Amino acid sequence: VVIVVVVVALIVVVLTGVVVVVVKVVVVVVVEEVVVVLVAVVVVLLVIVVLVKSLADFTAFWRHQGLFST
């Protein structure tokens, strides 16, 4: 009886450990993916903002020069 209890306890401990490890790995992978995606989105947004601002400054400059009739 004692041996069975010990074996069952060991199995439970091992399964719990495996589940914990799997959950940790999944969380880490998901978090990393999310972080990578967020960084990519922020970078793209920054690039778009910079490009739009540059374009606006550029057109304003040329408009100031009187080359654009609009």
C-alpha atoms as a PDB file:
ATOM      1  CA  VAL A   1       0.000   0.000   0.000  1.00  0.00           C
ATOM      2  CA  VAL A   2       2.794   2.410   0.909  1.00  0.00           C
ATOM      3  CA  ILE A   3       4.604   1.701  -2.374  1.00  0.00           C
ATOM      4  CA  VAL A   4       1.436   2.428  -4.397  1.00  0.00           C
ATOM      5  CA  VAL A   5       0.928   5.712  -2.548  1.00  0.00           C
ATOM      6  CA  VAL A   6       4.572   6.686  -3.141  1.00  0.00           C
ATOM      7  CA  VAL A   7       4.347   5.800  -6.850  1.00  0.00           C
ATOM      8  CA  VAL A   8       1.100   7.736  -7.260  1.00  0.00           C
ATOM      9  CA  ALA A   9       2.596  10.698  -5.408  1.00  0.00           C
ATOM     10  CA  LEU A  10       5.679  10.599  -7.653  1.00  0.00           C
ATOM     11  CA  ILE A  11       3.517  10.441 -10.792  1.00  0.00           C
ATOM     12  CA  VAL A  12       1.429  13.394  -9.573  1.00  0.00           C
ATOM     13  CA  VAL A  13       4.580  15.394  -8.778  1.00  0.00           C
ATOM     14  CA  VAL A  14       6.133  14.594 -12.166  1.00  0.00           C
ATOM     15  CA  LEU A  15       2.918  15.417 -14.050  1.00  0.00           C
ATOM     16  CA  THR A  16       2.561  18.671 -12.099  1.00  0.00           C
ATOM     17  CA  GLY A  17       6.172  19.547 -12.906  1.00  0.00           C
ATOM     18  CA  VAL A  18       5.633  18.770 -16.602  1.00  0.00           C
ATOM     19  CA  VAL A  19       2.442  20.858 -16.687  1.00  0.00           C
ATOM     20  CA  VAL A  20       4.202  23.766 -14.944  1.00  0.00           C
ATOM     21  CA  VAL A  21       7.122  23.602 -17.381  1.00  0.00           C
ATOM     22  CA  VAL A  22       4.801  23.442 -20.399  1.00  0.00           C
ATOM     23  CA  VAL A  23       2.757  26.376 -19.117  1.00  0.00           C
ATOM     24  CA  LYS A  24       5.931  28.381 -18.472  1.00  0.00           C
ATOM     25  CA  VAL A  25       7.263  27.647 -21.951  1.00  0.00           C
ATOM     26  CA  VAL A  26       3.931  28.552 -23.567  1.00  0.00           C
ATOM     27  CA  VAL A  27       3.724  31.781 -21.555  1.00  0.00           C
ATOM     28  CA  VAL A  28       7.306  32.732 -22.437  1.00  0.00           C
ATOM     29  CA  VAL A  29       6.793  31.991 -26.138  1.00  0.00           C
ATOM     30  CA  VAL A  30       3.476  33.847 -26.255  1.00  0.00           C
ATOM     31  CA  VAL A  31       4.893  36.824 -24.334  1.00  0.00           C
ATOM     32  CA  GLU A  32       7.927  36.950 -26.630  1.00  0.00           C
ATOM     33  CA  GLU A  33       5.681  36.788 -29.705  1.00  0.00           C
ATOM     34  CA  VAL A  34       3.483  39.560 -28.309  1.00  0.00           C
ATOM     35  CA  VAL A  35       6.523  41.699 -27.460  1.00  0.00           C
ATOM     36  CA  VAL A  36       8.001  41.165 -30.934  1.00  0.00           C
ATOM     37  CA  VAL A  37       4.679  42.054 -32.582  1.00  0.00           C
ATOM     38  CA  LEU A  38       4.267  45.133 -30.377  1.00  0.00           C
ATOM     39  CA  VAL A  39       7.808  46.319 -31.144  1.00  0.00           C
ATOM     40  CA  ALA A  40       7.227  45.758 -34.863  1.00  0.00           C
ATOM     41  CA  VAL A  41       3.945  47.705 -34.740  1.00  0.00           C
ATOM     42  CA  VAL A  42       5.570  50.577 -32.833  1.00  0.00           C
ATOM     43  CA  VAL A  43       8.484  50.709 -35.287  1.00  0.00           C
ATOM     44  CA  VAL A  44       6.134  50.680 -38.292  1.00  0.00           C
ATOM     45  CA  LEU A  45       4.001  53.426 -36.736  1.00  0.00           C
ATOM     46  CA  LEU A  46       7.095  55.525 -36.010  1.00  0.00           C
ATOM     47  CA  VAL A  47       8.333  55.078 -39.583  1.00  0.00           C
ATOM     48  CA  ILE A  48       4.909  56.059 -40.955  1.00  0.00           C
ATOM     49  CA  VAL A  49       4.768  59.126 -38.698  1.00  0.00           C
ATOM     50  CA  VAL A  50       8.281  60.182 -39.725  1.00  0.00           C
ATOM     51  CA  LEU A  51       7.509  59.634 -43.413  1.00  0.00           C
ATOM     52  CA  VAL A  52       4.232  61.581 -43.211  1.00  0.00           C
ATOM     53  CA  LYS A  53       5.936  64.409 -41.330  1.00  0.00           C
ATOM     54  CA  SER A  54       8.790  64.490 -43.846  1.00  0.00           C
ATOM     55  CA  LEU A  55       6.300  64.496 -46.707  1.00  0.00           C
ATOM     56  CA  ALA A  56       4.301  67.282 -45.064  1.00  0.00           C
ATOM     57  CA  ASP A  57       7.441  69.357 -44.468  1.00  0.00           C
ATOM     58  CA  PHE A  58       8.576  68.663 -48.030  1.00  0.00           C
ATOM     59  CA  THR A  59       5.269  69.709 -49.607  1.00  0.00           C
ATOM     60  CA  ALA A  60       5.028  72.721 -47.298  1.00  0.00           C
ATOM     61  CA  PHE A  61       8.557  73.722 -48.325  1.00  0.00           C
ATOM     62  CA  TRP A  62       7.787  73.424 -52.034  1.00  0.00           C
ATOM     63  CA  ARG A  63       4.440  75.156 -51.553  1.00  0.00           C
ATOM     64  CA  HIS A  64       6.338  77.935 -49.819  1.00  0.00           C
ATOM     65  CA  GLN A  65       8.613  78.110 -52.879  1.00  0.00           C
ATOM     66  CA  GLY A  66       5.492  78.636 -54.981  1.00  0.00           C
ATOM     67  CA  LEU A  67       6.028  75.510 -57.128  1.00  0.00           C
ATOM     68  CA  PHE A  68       2.673  74.024 -56.093  1.00  0.00           C
ATOM     69  CA  SER A  69      -0.378  75.983 -57.173  1.00  0.00           C
ATOM     70  CA  THR A  70      -2.572  74.096 -54.679  1.00  0.00           C
END
